PDB file of N, CA and C in Angstrom:
ATOM      1  N   UNK A   1      11.649   2.437   6.544  1.00  0.00           N
ATOM      2  CA  UNK A   1      11.283   2.795   7.897  1.00  0.00           C
ATOM      3  C   UNK A   1       9.844   2.377   8.212  1.00  0.00           C
ATOM      4  N   UNK A   2       8.988   2.478   7.221  1.00  0.00           N
ATOM      5  CA  UNK A   2       7.590   2.120   7.432  1.00  0.00           C
ATOM      6  C   UNK A   2       7.468   0.644   7.806  1.00  0.00           C
ATOM      7  N   UNK A   3       8.144  -0.203   7.054  1.00  0.00           N
ATOM      8  CA  UNK A   3       8.103  -1.638   7.344  1.00  0.00           C
ATOM      9  C   UNK A   3       8.678  -1.922   8.730  1.00  0.00           C
ATOM     10  N   UNK A   4       9.803  -1.304   9.046  1.00  0.00           N
ATOM     11  CA  UNK A   4      10.436  -1.501  10.350  1.00  0.00           C
ATOM     12  C   UNK A   4       9.502  -1.068  11.482  1.00  0.00           C
ATOM     13  N   UNK A   5       8.802   0.017  11.286  1.00  0.00           N
ATOM     14  CA  UNK A   5       7.845   0.475  12.292  1.00  0.00           C
ATOM     15  C   UNK A   5       6.750  -0.557  12.516  1.00  0.00           C
ATOM     16  N   UNK A   6       6.251  -1.149  11.446  1.00  0.00           N
ATOM     17  CA  UNK A   6       5.209  -2.179  11.577  1.00  0.00           C
ATOM     18  C   UNK A   6       5.746  -3.374  12.340  1.00  0.00           C
ATOM     19  N   UNK A   7       6.963  -3.784  12.026  1.00  0.00           N
ATOM     20  CA  UNK A   7       7.561  -4.935  12.694  1.00  0.00           C
ATOM     21  C   UNK A   7       7.738  -4.650  14.186  1.00  0.00           C
ATOM     22  N   UNK A   8       8.224  -3.462  14.516  1.00  0.00           N
ATOM     23  CA  UNK A   8       8.494  -3.134  15.915  1.00  0.00           C
ATOM     24  C   UNK A   8       7.250  -2.770  16.714  1.00  0.00           C
ATOM     25  N   UNK A   9       6.342  -2.038  16.107  1.00  0.00           N
ATOM     26  CA  UNK A   9       5.179  -1.512  16.834  1.00  0.00           C
ATOM     27  C   UNK A   9       3.901  -2.310  16.605  1.00  0.00           C
ATOM     28  N   UNK A  10       3.896  -3.194  15.614  1.00  0.00           N
ATOM     29  CA  UNK A  10       2.685  -3.925  15.277  1.00  0.00           C
ATOM     30  C   UNK A  10       1.851  -3.149  14.267  1.00  0.00           C
ATOM     31  N   UNK A  11       0.738  -3.732  13.884  1.00  0.00           N
ATOM     32  CA  UNK A  11      -0.135  -3.140  12.873  1.00  0.00           C
ATOM     33  C   UNK A  11      -0.919  -1.999  13.508  1.00  0.00           C
ATOM     34  N   UNK A  12      -0.397  -0.793  13.368  1.00  0.00           N
ATOM     35  CA  UNK A  12      -1.047   0.379  13.953  1.00  0.00           C
ATOM     36  C   UNK A  12      -1.004   1.538  12.962  1.00  0.00           C
ATOM     37  N   UNK A  13      -1.985   1.607  12.046  1.00  0.00           N
ATOM     38  CA  UNK A  13      -2.003   2.678  11.046  1.00  0.00           C
ATOM     39  C   UNK A  13      -2.047   4.083  11.633  1.00  0.00           C
ATOM     40  N   UNK A  14      -2.408   4.221  12.896  1.00  0.00           N
ATOM     41  CA  UNK A  14      -2.487   5.553  13.499  1.00  0.00           C
ATOM     42  C   UNK A  14      -1.191   5.959  14.213  1.00  0.00           C
ATOM     43  N   UNK A  15      -0.203   5.088  14.226  1.00  0.00           N
ATOM     44  CA  UNK A  15       1.079   5.407  14.858  1.00  0.00           C
ATOM     45  C   UNK A  15       1.718   6.583  14.105  1.00  0.00           C
ATOM     46  N   UNK A  16       2.274   7.575  14.816  1.00  0.00           N
ATOM     47  CA  UNK A  16       2.850   8.746  14.147  1.00  0.00           C
ATOM     48  C   UNK A  16       3.907   8.409  13.087  1.00  0.00           C
ATOM     49  N   UNK A  17       4.751   7.418  13.343  1.00  0.00           N
ATOM     50  CA  UNK A  17       5.761   7.049  12.344  1.00  0.00           C
ATOM     51  C   UNK A  17       5.120   6.439  11.105  1.00  0.00           C
ATOM     52  N   UNK A  18       4.049   5.683  11.305  1.00  0.00           N
ATOM     53  CA  UNK A  18       3.329   5.099  10.174  1.00  0.00           C
ATOM     54  C   UNK A  18       2.674   6.209   9.359  1.00  0.00           C
ATOM     55  N   UNK A  19       2.024   7.134  10.036  1.00  0.00           N
ATOM     56  CA  UNK A  19       1.384   8.255   9.337  1.00  0.00           C
ATOM     57  C   UNK A  19       2.400   9.050   8.508  1.00  0.00           C
ATOM     58  N   UNK A  20       3.575   9.316   9.098  1.00  0.00           N
ATOM     59  CA  UNK A  20       4.618  10.042   8.354  1.00  0.00           C
ATOM     60  C   UNK A  20       5.127   9.224   7.179  1.00  0.00           C
ATOM     61  N   UNK A  21       5.307   7.929   7.387  1.00  0.00           N
ATOM     62  CA  UNK A  21       5.800   7.065   6.315  1.00  0.00           C
ATOM     63  C   UNK A  21       4.834   6.971   5.146  1.00  0.00           C
ATOM     64  N   UNK A  22       3.565   6.817   5.439  1.00  0.00           N
ATOM     65  CA  UNK A  22       2.546   6.747   4.390  1.00  0.00           C
ATOM     66  C   UNK A  22       2.522   8.062   3.613  1.00  0.00           C
ATOM     67  N   UNK A  23       2.560   9.163   4.336  1.00  0.00           N
ATOM     68  CA  UNK A  23       2.554  10.477   3.685  1.00  0.00           C
ATOM     69  C   UNK A  23       3.781  10.641   2.780  1.00  0.00           C
ATOM     70  N   UNK A  24       4.928  10.218   3.257  1.00  0.00           N
ATOM     71  CA  UNK A  24       6.164  10.366   2.473  1.00  0.00           C
ATOM     72  C   UNK A  24       6.128   9.505   1.208  1.00  0.00           C
ATOM     73  N   UNK A  25       5.634   8.278   1.320  1.00  0.00           N
ATOM     74  CA  UNK A  25       5.516   7.408   0.142  1.00  0.00           C
ATOM     75  C   UNK A  25       4.574   8.028  -0.882  1.00  0.00           C
ATOM     76  N   UNK A  26       3.477   8.598  -0.425  1.00  0.00           N
ATOM     77  CA  UNK A  26       2.548   9.269  -1.340  1.00  0.00           C
ATOM     78  C   UNK A  26       3.230  10.441  -2.048  1.00  0.00           C
ATOM     79  N   UNK A  27       4.007  11.215  -1.305  1.00  0.00           N
ATOM     80  CA  UNK A  27       4.737  12.333  -1.914  1.00  0.00           C
ATOM     81  C   UNK A  27       5.683  11.838  -3.011  1.00  0.00           C
ATOM     82  N   UNK A  28       6.436  10.805  -2.696  1.00  0.00           N
ATOM     83  CA  UNK A  28       7.401  10.265  -3.659  1.00  0.00           C
ATOM     84  C   UNK A  28       6.676   9.706  -4.881  1.00  0.00           C
ATOM     85  N   UNK A  29       5.640   8.911  -4.630  1.00  0.00           N
ATOM     86  CA  UNK A  29       4.912   8.271  -5.730  1.00  0.00           C
ATOM     87  C   UNK A  29       4.259   9.284  -6.655  1.00  0.00           C
ATOM     88  N   UNK A  30       3.806  10.375  -6.101  1.00  0.00           N
ATOM     89  CA  UNK A  30       3.121  11.363  -6.939  1.00  0.00           C
ATOM     90  C   UNK A  30       4.087  12.212  -7.758  1.00  0.00           C
ATOM     91  N   UNK A  31       5.378  12.115  -7.478  1.00  0.00           N
ATOM     92  CA  UNK A  31       6.356  12.893  -8.239  1.00  0.00           C
ATOM     93  C   UNK A  31       7.085  12.071  -9.297  1.00  0.00           C
ATOM     94  N   UNK A  32       6.852  10.765  -9.318  1.00  0.00           N
ATOM     95  CA  UNK A  32       7.527   9.912 -10.291  1.00  0.00           C
ATOM     96  C   UNK A  32       6.837  10.044 -11.645  1.00  0.00           C
ATOM     97  N   UNK A  33       7.568  10.457 -12.661  1.00  0.00           N
ATOM     98  CA  UNK A  33       6.960  10.524 -13.998  1.00  0.00           C
ATOM     99  C   UNK A  33       6.524   9.120 -14.431  1.00  0.00           C
ATOM    100  N   UNK A  34       5.353   9.040 -15.055  1.00  0.00           N
ATOM    101  CA  UNK A  34       4.833   7.716 -15.409  1.00  0.00           C
ATOM    102  C   UNK A  34       5.796   6.964 -16.312  1.00  0.00           C
ATOM    103  N   UNK A  35       6.639   7.693 -17.058  1.00  0.00           N
ATOM    104  CA  UNK A  35       7.581   7.021 -17.943  1.00  0.00           C
ATOM    105  C   UNK A  35       8.601   6.206 -17.144  1.00  0.00           C
ATOM    106  N   UNK A  36       8.930   6.667 -15.935  1.00  0.00           N
ATOM    107  CA  UNK A  36       9.857   5.921 -15.084  1.00  0.00           C
ATOM    108  C   UNK A  36       9.152   4.794 -14.356  1.00  0.00           C
ATOM    109  N   UNK A  37       7.870   4.903 -14.266  1.00  0.00           N
ATOM    110  CA  UNK A  37       6.999   3.870 -13.744  1.00  0.00           C
ATOM    111  C   UNK A  37       7.025   3.704 -12.236  1.00  0.00           C
ATOM    112  N   UNK A  38       5.854   3.704 -11.723  1.00  0.00           N
ATOM    113  CA  UNK A  38       5.632   3.422 -10.316  1.00  0.00           C
ATOM    114  C   UNK A  38       5.987   1.974 -10.002  1.00  0.00           C
ATOM    115  N   UNK A  39       6.040   1.142 -11.033  1.00  0.00           N
ATOM    116  CA  UNK A  39       6.316  -0.281 -10.820  1.00  0.00           C
ATOM    117  C   UNK A  39       7.613  -0.518 -10.071  1.00  0.00           C
ATOM    118  N   UNK A  40       8.575   0.400 -10.190  1.00  0.00           N
ATOM    119  CA  UNK A  40       9.861   0.216  -9.534  1.00  0.00           C
ATOM    120  C   UNK A  40       9.775   0.360  -8.018  1.00  0.00           C
ATOM    121  N   UNK A  41       8.718   0.980  -7.520  1.00  0.00           N
ATOM    122  CA  UNK A  41       8.547   1.109  -6.065  1.00  0.00           C
ATOM    123  C   UNK A  41       7.202   0.540  -5.613  1.00  0.00           C
ATOM    124  N   UNK A  42       6.689  -0.439  -6.337  1.00  0.00           N
ATOM    125  CA  UNK A  42       5.342  -0.941  -6.058  1.00  0.00           C
ATOM    126  C   UNK A  42       5.217  -1.573  -4.670  1.00  0.00           C
ATOM    127  N   UNK A  43       6.234  -2.296  -4.202  1.00  0.00           N
ATOM    128  CA  UNK A  43       6.123  -2.936  -2.888  1.00  0.00           C
ATOM    129  C   UNK A  43       5.978  -1.902  -1.775  1.00  0.00           C
ATOM    130  N   UNK A  44       6.876  -0.911  -1.663  1.00  0.00           N
ATOM    131  CA  UNK A  44       6.656   0.078  -0.592  1.00  0.00           C
ATOM    132  C   UNK A  44       5.380   0.890  -0.795  1.00  0.00           C
ATOM    133  N   UNK A  45       5.008   1.132  -2.037  1.00  0.00           N
ATOM    134  CA  UNK A  45       3.767   1.845  -2.328  1.00  0.00           C
ATOM    135  C   UNK A  45       2.573   1.049  -1.802  1.00  0.00           C
ATOM    136  N   UNK A  46       2.574  -0.252  -2.022  1.00  0.00           N
ATOM    137  CA  UNK A  46       1.475  -1.101  -1.558  1.00  0.00           C
ATOM    138  C   UNK A  46       1.457  -1.202  -0.036  1.00  0.00           C
ATOM    139  N   UNK A  47       2.625  -1.317   0.583  1.00  0.00           N
ATOM    140  CA  UNK A  47       2.701  -1.351   2.049  1.00  0.00           C
ATOM    141  C   UNK A  47       2.079  -0.079   2.618  1.00  0.00           C
ATOM    142  N   UNK A  48       2.491   1.058   2.078  1.00  0.00           N
ATOM    143  CA  UNK A  48       1.941   2.338   2.536  1.00  0.00           C
ATOM    144  C   UNK A  48       0.444   2.406   2.280  1.00  0.00           C
ATOM    145  N   UNK A  49       0.012   1.920   1.120  1.00  0.00           N
ATOM    146  CA  UNK A  49      -1.407   1.939   0.793  1.00  0.00           C
ATOM    147  C   UNK A  49      -2.240   1.104   1.740  1.00  0.00           C
ATOM    148  N   UNK A  50      -1.730  -0.046   2.121  1.00  0.00           N
ATOM    149  CA  UNK A  50      -2.461  -0.903   3.065  1.00  0.00           C
ATOM    150  C   UNK A  50      -2.635  -0.220   4.415  1.00  0.00           C
ATOM    151  N   UNK A  51      -1.710   0.666   4.759  1.00  0.00           N
ATOM    152  CA  UNK A  51      -1.753   1.380   6.035  1.00  0.00           C
ATOM    153  C   UNK A  51      -2.411   2.758   5.926  1.00  0.00           C
ATOM    154  N   UNK A  52      -2.842   3.130   4.736  1.00  0.00           N
ATOM    155  CA  UNK A  52      -3.373   4.474   4.504  1.00  0.00           C
ATOM    156  C   UNK A  52      -4.646   4.741   5.297  1.00  0.00           C
ATOM    157  N   UNK A  53      -4.804   5.994   5.652  1.00  0.00           N
ATOM    158  CA  UNK A  53      -6.036   6.447   6.304  1.00  0.00           C
ATOM    159  C   UNK A  53      -7.131   6.549   5.244  1.00  0.00           C
ATOM    160  N   UNK A  54      -8.390   6.471   5.652  1.00  0.00           N
ATOM    161  CA  UNK A  54      -9.484   6.554   4.674  1.00  0.00           C
ATOM    162  C   UNK A  54      -9.391   7.773   3.759  1.00  0.00           C
ATOM    163  N   UNK A  55      -8.965   8.898   4.305  1.00  0.00           N
ATOM    164  CA  UNK A  55      -8.887  10.112   3.480  1.00  0.00           C
ATOM    165  C   UNK A  55      -7.733  10.078   2.476  1.00  0.00           C
ATOM    166  N   UNK A  56      -6.846   9.090   2.586  1.00  0.00           N
ATOM    167  CA  UNK A  56      -5.734   8.961   1.648  1.00  0.00           C
ATOM    168  C   UNK A  56      -6.002   7.946   0.540  1.00  0.00           C
ATOM    169  N   UNK A  57      -7.053   7.185   0.662  1.00  0.00           N
ATOM    170  CA  UNK A  57      -7.334   6.127  -0.310  1.00  0.00           C
ATOM    171  C   UNK A  57      -7.408   6.649  -1.744  1.00  0.00           C
ATOM    172  N   UNK A  58      -8.126   7.738  -1.939  1.00  0.00           N
ATOM    173  CA  UNK A  58      -8.260   8.281  -3.296  1.00  0.00           C
ATOM    174  C   UNK A  58      -6.931   8.760  -3.859  1.00  0.00           C
ATOM    175  N   UNK A  59      -6.028   9.195  -2.995  1.00  0.00           N
ATOM    176  CA  UNK A  59      -4.701   9.599  -3.471  1.00  0.00           C
ATOM    177  C   UNK A  59      -3.942   8.403  -4.033  1.00  0.00           C
ATOM    178  N   UNK A  60      -4.050   7.262  -3.368  1.00  0.00           N
ATOM    179  CA  UNK A  60      -3.396   6.053  -3.859  1.00  0.00           C
ATOM    180  C   UNK A  60      -4.035   5.601  -5.171  1.00  0.00           C
ATOM    181  N   UNK A  61      -5.352   5.665  -5.239  1.00  0.00           N
ATOM    182  CA  UNK A  61      -6.036   5.310  -6.487  1.00  0.00           C
ATOM    183  C   UNK A  61      -5.609   6.237  -7.629  1.00  0.00           C
ATOM    184  N   UNK A  62      -5.475   7.516  -7.327  1.00  0.00           N
ATOM    185  CA  UNK A  62      -5.082   8.491  -8.358  1.00  0.00           C
ATOM    186  C   UNK A  62      -3.678   8.234  -8.887  1.00  0.00           C
ATOM    187  N   UNK A  63      -2.769   7.868  -8.010  1.00  0.00           N
ATOM    188  CA  UNK A  63      -1.400   7.596  -8.452  1.00  0.00           C
ATOM    189  C   UNK A  63      -1.392   6.412  -9.419  1.00  0.00           C
ATOM    190  N   UNK A  64      -2.135   5.367  -9.102  1.00  0.00           N
ATOM    191  CA  UNK A  64      -2.212   4.210  -9.997  1.00  0.00           C
ATOM    192  C   UNK A  64      -2.942   4.596 -11.285  1.00  0.00           C
ATOM    193  N   UNK A  65      -4.007   5.335 -11.159  1.00  0.00           N
ATOM    194  CA  UNK A  65      -4.768   5.757 -12.336  1.00  0.00           C
ATOM    195  C   UNK A  65      -3.928   6.606 -13.290  1.00  0.00           C
ATOM    196  N   UNK A  66      -3.001   7.391 -12.736  1.00  0.00           N
ATOM    197  CA  UNK A  66      -2.143   8.243 -13.565  1.00  0.00           C
ATOM    198  C   UNK A  66      -1.228   7.432 -14.474  1.00  0.00           C
ATOM    199  N   UNK A  67      -1.105   6.146 -14.197  1.00  0.00           N
ATOM    200  CA  UNK A  67      -0.296   5.283 -15.057  1.00  0.00           C
ATOM    201  C   UNK A  67      -1.007   4.999 -16.376  1.00  0.00           C
ATOM    202  N   UNK A  68      -2.274   5.367 -16.452  1.00  0.00           N
ATOM    203  CA  UNK A  68      -3.034   5.144 -17.678  1.00  0.00           C
ATOM    204  C   UNK A  68      -3.103   3.667 -18.020  1.00  0.00           C
ATOM    205  N   UNK A  69      -2.960   3.325 -19.295  1.00  0.00           N
ATOM    206  CA  UNK A  69      -3.060   1.930 -19.701  1.00  0.00           C
ATOM    207  C   UNK A  69      -1.941   1.057 -19.139  1.00  0.00           C
ATOM    208  N   UNK A  70      -0.868   1.677 -18.662  1.00  0.00           N
ATOM    209  CA  UNK A  70       0.245   0.906 -18.122  1.00  0.00           C
ATOM    210  C   UNK A  70      -0.073   0.284 -16.764  1.00  0.00           C
ATOM    211  N   UNK A  71      -1.154   0.730 -16.139  1.00  0.00           N
ATOM    212  CA  UNK A  71      -1.509   0.144 -14.853  1.00  0.00           C
ATOM    213  C   UNK A  71      -1.931  -1.317 -14.990  1.00  0.00           C
ATOM    214  N   UNK A  72      -2.318  -1.702 -16.177  1.00  0.00           N
ATOM    215  CA  UNK A  72      -2.736  -3.093 -16.408  1.00  0.00           C
ATOM    216  C   UNK A  72      -1.541  -4.034 -16.474  1.00  0.00           C
ATOM    217  N   UNK A  73      -0.350  -3.487 -16.687  1.00  0.00           N
ATOM    218  CA  UNK A  73       0.850  -4.309 -16.776  1.00  0.00           C
ATOM    219  C   UNK A  73       1.564  -4.333 -15.438  1.00  0.00           C
ATOM    220  N   UNK A  74       2.295  -5.391 -15.209  1.00  0.00           N
ATOM    221  CA  UNK A  74       3.067  -5.462 -13.976  1.00  0.00           C
ATOM    222  C   UNK A  74       2.194  -5.658 -12.759  1.00  0.00           C
ATOM    223  N   UNK A  75       2.588  -5.023 -11.678  1.00  0.00           N
ATOM    224  CA  UNK A  75       1.949  -5.296 -10.398  1.00  0.00           C
ATOM    225  C   UNK A  75       1.013  -4.192  -9.904  1.00  0.00           C
ATOM    226  N   UNK A  76       0.858  -3.127 -10.650  1.00  0.00           N
ATOM    227  CA  UNK A  76       0.036  -2.001 -10.179  1.00  0.00           C
ATOM    228  C   UNK A  76      -1.404  -2.429  -9.906  1.00  0.00           C
ATOM    229  N   UNK A  77      -1.974  -3.178 -10.813  1.00  0.00           N
ATOM    230  CA  UNK A  77      -3.362  -3.625 -10.657  1.00  0.00           C
ATOM    231  C   UNK A  77      -3.508  -4.538  -9.434  1.00  0.00           C
ATOM    232  N   UNK A  78      -2.555  -5.457  -9.271  1.00  0.00           N
ATOM    233  CA  UNK A  78      -2.598  -6.360  -8.118  1.00  0.00           C
ATOM    234  C   UNK A  78      -2.407  -5.590  -6.814  1.00  0.00           C
ATOM    235  N   UNK A  79      -1.478  -4.637  -6.819  1.00  0.00           N
ATOM    236  CA  UNK A  79      -1.225  -3.850  -5.609  1.00  0.00           C
ATOM    237  C   UNK A  79      -2.459  -3.064  -5.202  1.00  0.00           C
ATOM    238  N   UNK A  80      -3.114  -2.445  -6.162  1.00  0.00           N
ATOM    239  CA  UNK A  80      -4.323  -1.684  -5.843  1.00  0.00           C
ATOM    240  C   UNK A  80      -5.398  -2.614  -5.295  1.00  0.00           C
ATOM    241  N   UNK A  81      -5.517  -3.797  -5.855  1.00  0.00           N
ATOM    242  CA  UNK A  81      -6.480  -4.768  -5.334  1.00  0.00           C
ATOM    243  C   UNK A  81      -6.179  -5.171  -3.898  1.00  0.00           C
ATOM    244  N   UNK A  82      -4.895  -5.353  -3.575  1.00  0.00           N
ATOM    245  CA  UNK A  82      -4.507  -5.690  -2.203  1.00  0.00           C
ATOM    246  C   UNK A  82      -4.814  -4.538  -1.251  1.00  0.00           C
ATOM    247  N   UNK A  83      -4.549  -3.316  -1.706  1.00  0.00           N
ATOM    248  CA  UNK A  83      -4.857  -2.144  -0.877  1.00  0.00           C
ATOM    249  C   UNK A  83      -6.360  -2.032  -0.631  1.00  0.00           C
ATOM    250  N   UNK A  84      -7.145  -2.196  -1.703  1.00  0.00           N
ATOM    251  CA  UNK A  84      -8.609  -2.109  -1.581  1.00  0.00           C
ATOM    252  C   UNK A  84      -9.114  -3.147  -0.581  1.00  0.00           C
ATOM    253  N   UNK A  85      -8.544  -4.332  -0.631  1.00  0.00           N
ATOM    254  CA  UNK A  85      -8.945  -5.390   0.303  1.00  0.00           C
ATOM    255  C   UNK A  85      -8.622  -4.984   1.738  1.00  0.00           C
ATOM    256  N   UNK A  86      -7.400  -4.469   1.967  1.00  0.00           N
ATOM    257  CA  UNK A  86      -7.008  -4.034   3.314  1.00  0.00           C
ATOM    258  C   UNK A  86      -7.918  -2.915   3.808  1.00  0.00           C
ATOM    259  N   UNK A  87      -8.261  -1.992   2.924  1.00  0.00           N
ATOM    260  CA  UNK A  87      -9.145  -0.895   3.308  1.00  0.00           C
ATOM    261  C   UNK A  87     -10.523  -1.425   3.684  1.00  0.00           C
ATOM    262  N   UNK A  88     -11.006  -2.410   2.932  1.00  0.00           N
ATOM    263  CA  UNK A  88     -12.318  -2.977   3.217  1.00  0.00           C
ATOM    264  C   UNK A  88     -12.373  -3.728   4.534  1.00  0.00           C
ATOM    265  N   UNK A  89     -11.237  -4.248   4.951  1.00  0.00           N
ATOM    266  CA  UNK A  89     -11.164  -5.005   6.206  1.00  0.00           C
ATOM    267  C   UNK A  89     -10.752  -4.146   7.396  1.00  0.00           C
ATOM    268  N   UNK A  90     -10.461  -2.903   7.145  1.00  0.00           N
ATOM    269  CA  UNK A  90      -9.876  -2.008   8.160  1.00  0.00           C
ATOM    270  C   UNK A  90     -10.602  -2.082   9.504  1.00  0.00           C
ATOM    271  N   UNK A  91     -11.901  -2.026   9.510  1.00  0.00           N
ATOM    272  CA  UNK A  91     -12.653  -1.991  10.771  1.00  0.00           C
ATOM    273  C   UNK A  91     -12.873  -3.364  11.374  1.00  0.00           C
ATOM    274  N   UNK A  92     -12.471  -4.418  10.667  1.00  0.00           N
ATOM    275  CA  UNK A  92     -12.662  -5.772  11.163  1.00  0.00           C
ATOM    276  C   UNK A  92     -11.362  -6.393  11.660  1.00  0.00           C
ATOM    277  N   UNK A  93     -10.243  -5.678  11.487  1.00  0.00           N
ATOM    278  CA  UNK A  93      -8.937  -6.248  11.786  1.00  0.00           C
ATOM    279  C   UNK A  93      -8.661  -6.336  13.279  1.00  0.00           C
ATOM    280  N   UNK A  94      -8.040  -7.420  13.655  1.00  0.00           N
ATOM    281  CA  UNK A  94      -7.506  -7.569  15.006  1.00  0.00           C
ATOM    282  C   UNK A  94      -6.044  -7.147  14.922  1.00  0.00           C
ATOM    283  N   UNK A  95      -5.737  -5.968  15.412  1.00  0.00           N
ATOM    284  CA  UNK A  95      -4.381  -5.419  15.282  1.00  0.00           C
ATOM    285  C   UNK A  95      -3.325  -6.305  15.921  1.00  0.00           C
ATOM    286  N   UNK A  96      -3.718  -7.137  16.874  1.00  0.00           N
ATOM    287  CA  UNK A  96      -2.745  -8.014  17.526  1.00  0.00           C
ATOM    288  C   UNK A  96      -2.351  -9.201  16.659  1.00  0.00           C
ATOM    289  N   UNK A  97      -3.242  -9.607  15.750  1.00  0.00           N
ATOM    290  CA  UNK A  97      -2.930 -10.771  14.924  1.00  0.00           C
ATOM    291  C   UNK A  97      -2.709 -10.429  13.452  1.00  0.00           C
ATOM    292  N   UNK A  98      -3.140  -9.250  13.002  1.00  0.00           N
ATOM    293  CA  UNK A  98      -3.002  -8.847  11.605  1.00  0.00           C
ATOM    294  C   UNK A  98      -1.577  -8.382  11.350  1.00  0.00           C
ATOM    295  N   UNK A  99      -1.071  -8.743  10.193  1.00  0.00           N
ATOM    296  CA  UNK A  99       0.278  -8.314   9.833  1.00  0.00           C
ATOM    297  C   UNK A  99       0.327  -7.992   8.345  1.00  0.00           C
ATOM    298  N   UNK A 100       1.448  -7.527   7.927  1.00  0.00           N
ATOM    299  CA  UNK A 100       1.647  -7.216   6.524  1.00  0.00           C
ATOM    300  C   UNK A 100       1.491  -8.467   5.667  1.00  0.00           C
ATOM    301  N   UNK A 101       1.879  -9.614   6.196  1.00  0.00           N
ATOM    302  CA  UNK A 101       1.713 -10.878   5.463  1.00  0.00           C
ATOM    303  C   UNK A 101       0.260 -11.105   5.089  1.00  0.00           C
ATOM    304  N   UNK A 102      -0.652 -10.731   5.976  1.00  0.00           N
ATOM    305  CA  UNK A 102      -2.076 -10.883   5.684  1.00  0.00           C
ATOM    306  C   UNK A 102      -2.516 -10.015   4.513  1.00  0.00           C
ATOM    307  N   UNK A 103      -1.890  -8.856   4.362  1.00  0.00           N
ATOM    308  CA  UNK A 103      -2.237  -7.963   3.258  1.00  0.00           C
ATOM    309  C   UNK A 103      -1.841  -8.561   1.916  1.00  0.00           C
ATOM    310  N   UNK A 104      -0.779  -9.345   1.911  1.00  0.00           N
ATOM    311  CA  UNK A 104      -0.251  -9.892   0.664  1.00  0.00           C
ATOM    312  C   UNK A 104      -0.712 -11.324   0.396  1.00  0.00           C
ATOM    313  N   UNK A 105      -1.741 -11.752   1.103  1.00  0.00           N
ATOM    314  CA  UNK A 105      -2.296 -13.081   0.869  1.00  0.00           C
ATOM    315  C   UNK A 105      -3.810 -12.982   0.768  1.00  0.00           C
ATOM    316  N   UNK A 106      -4.354 -13.529  -0.303  1.00  0.00           N
ATOM    317  CA  UNK A 106      -5.796 -13.525  -0.531  1.00  0.00           C
ATOM    318  C   UNK A 106      -6.217 -14.952  -0.865  1.00  0.00           C
ATOM    319  N   UNK A 107      -7.125 -15.492  -0.074  1.00  0.00           N
ATOM    320  CA  UNK A 107      -7.634 -16.847  -0.290  1.00  0.00           C
ATOM    321  C   UNK A 107      -6.514 -17.869  -0.457  1.00  0.00           C
ATOM    322  N   UNK A 108      -5.498 -17.750   0.382  1.00  0.00           N
ATOM    323  CA  UNK A 108      -4.385 -18.706   0.353  1.00  0.00           C
ATOM    324  C   UNK A 108      -3.348 -18.445  -0.729  1.00  0.00           C
ATOM    325  N   UNK A 109      -3.580 -17.457  -1.566  1.00  0.00           N
ATOM    326  CA  UNK A 109      -2.625 -17.116  -2.630  1.00  0.00           C
ATOM    327  C   UNK A 109      -1.790 -15.938  -2.141  1.00  0.00           C
ATOM    328  N   UNK A 110      -0.463 -16.113  -2.173  1.00  0.00           N
ATOM    329  CA  UNK A 110       0.444 -15.058  -1.732  1.00  0.00           C
ATOM    330  C   UNK A 110       0.946 -14.282  -2.934  1.00  0.00           C
ATOM    331  N   UNK A 111       0.975 -12.960  -2.793  1.00  0.00           N
ATOM    332  CA  UNK A 111       1.411 -12.081  -3.873  1.00  0.00           C
ATOM    333  C   UNK A 111       2.811 -11.577  -3.600  1.00  0.00           C
ATOM    334  N   UNK A 112       3.602 -11.520  -4.652  1.00  0.00           N
ATOM    335  CA  UNK A 112       4.944 -10.967  -4.587  1.00  0.00           C
ATOM    336  C   UNK A 112       5.008  -9.820  -5.588  1.00  0.00           C
ATOM    337  N   UNK A 113       5.157  -8.630  -5.092  1.00  0.00           N
ATOM    338  CA  UNK A 113       5.165  -7.451  -5.961  1.00  0.00           C
ATOM    339  C   UNK A 113       6.601  -7.081  -6.316  1.00  0.00           C
ATOM    340  N   UNK A 114       7.018  -7.517  -7.492  1.00  0.00           N
ATOM    341  CA  UNK A 114       8.378  -7.184  -7.955  1.00  0.00           C
ATOM    342  C   UNK A 114       8.316  -6.534  -9.312  1.00  0.00           C
TER     343      UNK A 114
END
């Protein structure tokens, strides 16, 4: 639903559906035992993280940090880097031209979180 909202409404982190979606992803991610791995839901987790409000950033960092040494494997480290980049650009974004594709591309390199 979060992705669909972005497609239909545009890049608007303050949209009520986006806020609910980000909150719900955080709830789900924080309940997954690290043994089952957050890696299985990394793409929606990263989408939600890119749209997170400033006060939610530390929650996303904590979920990745809870993976311990396993965060270095797979896509968790890359996803957190993409989120950090989106957060850093938050106040510079043109909501009319920014999209989720921009979040997953850095210096011409596109990331696929699988």
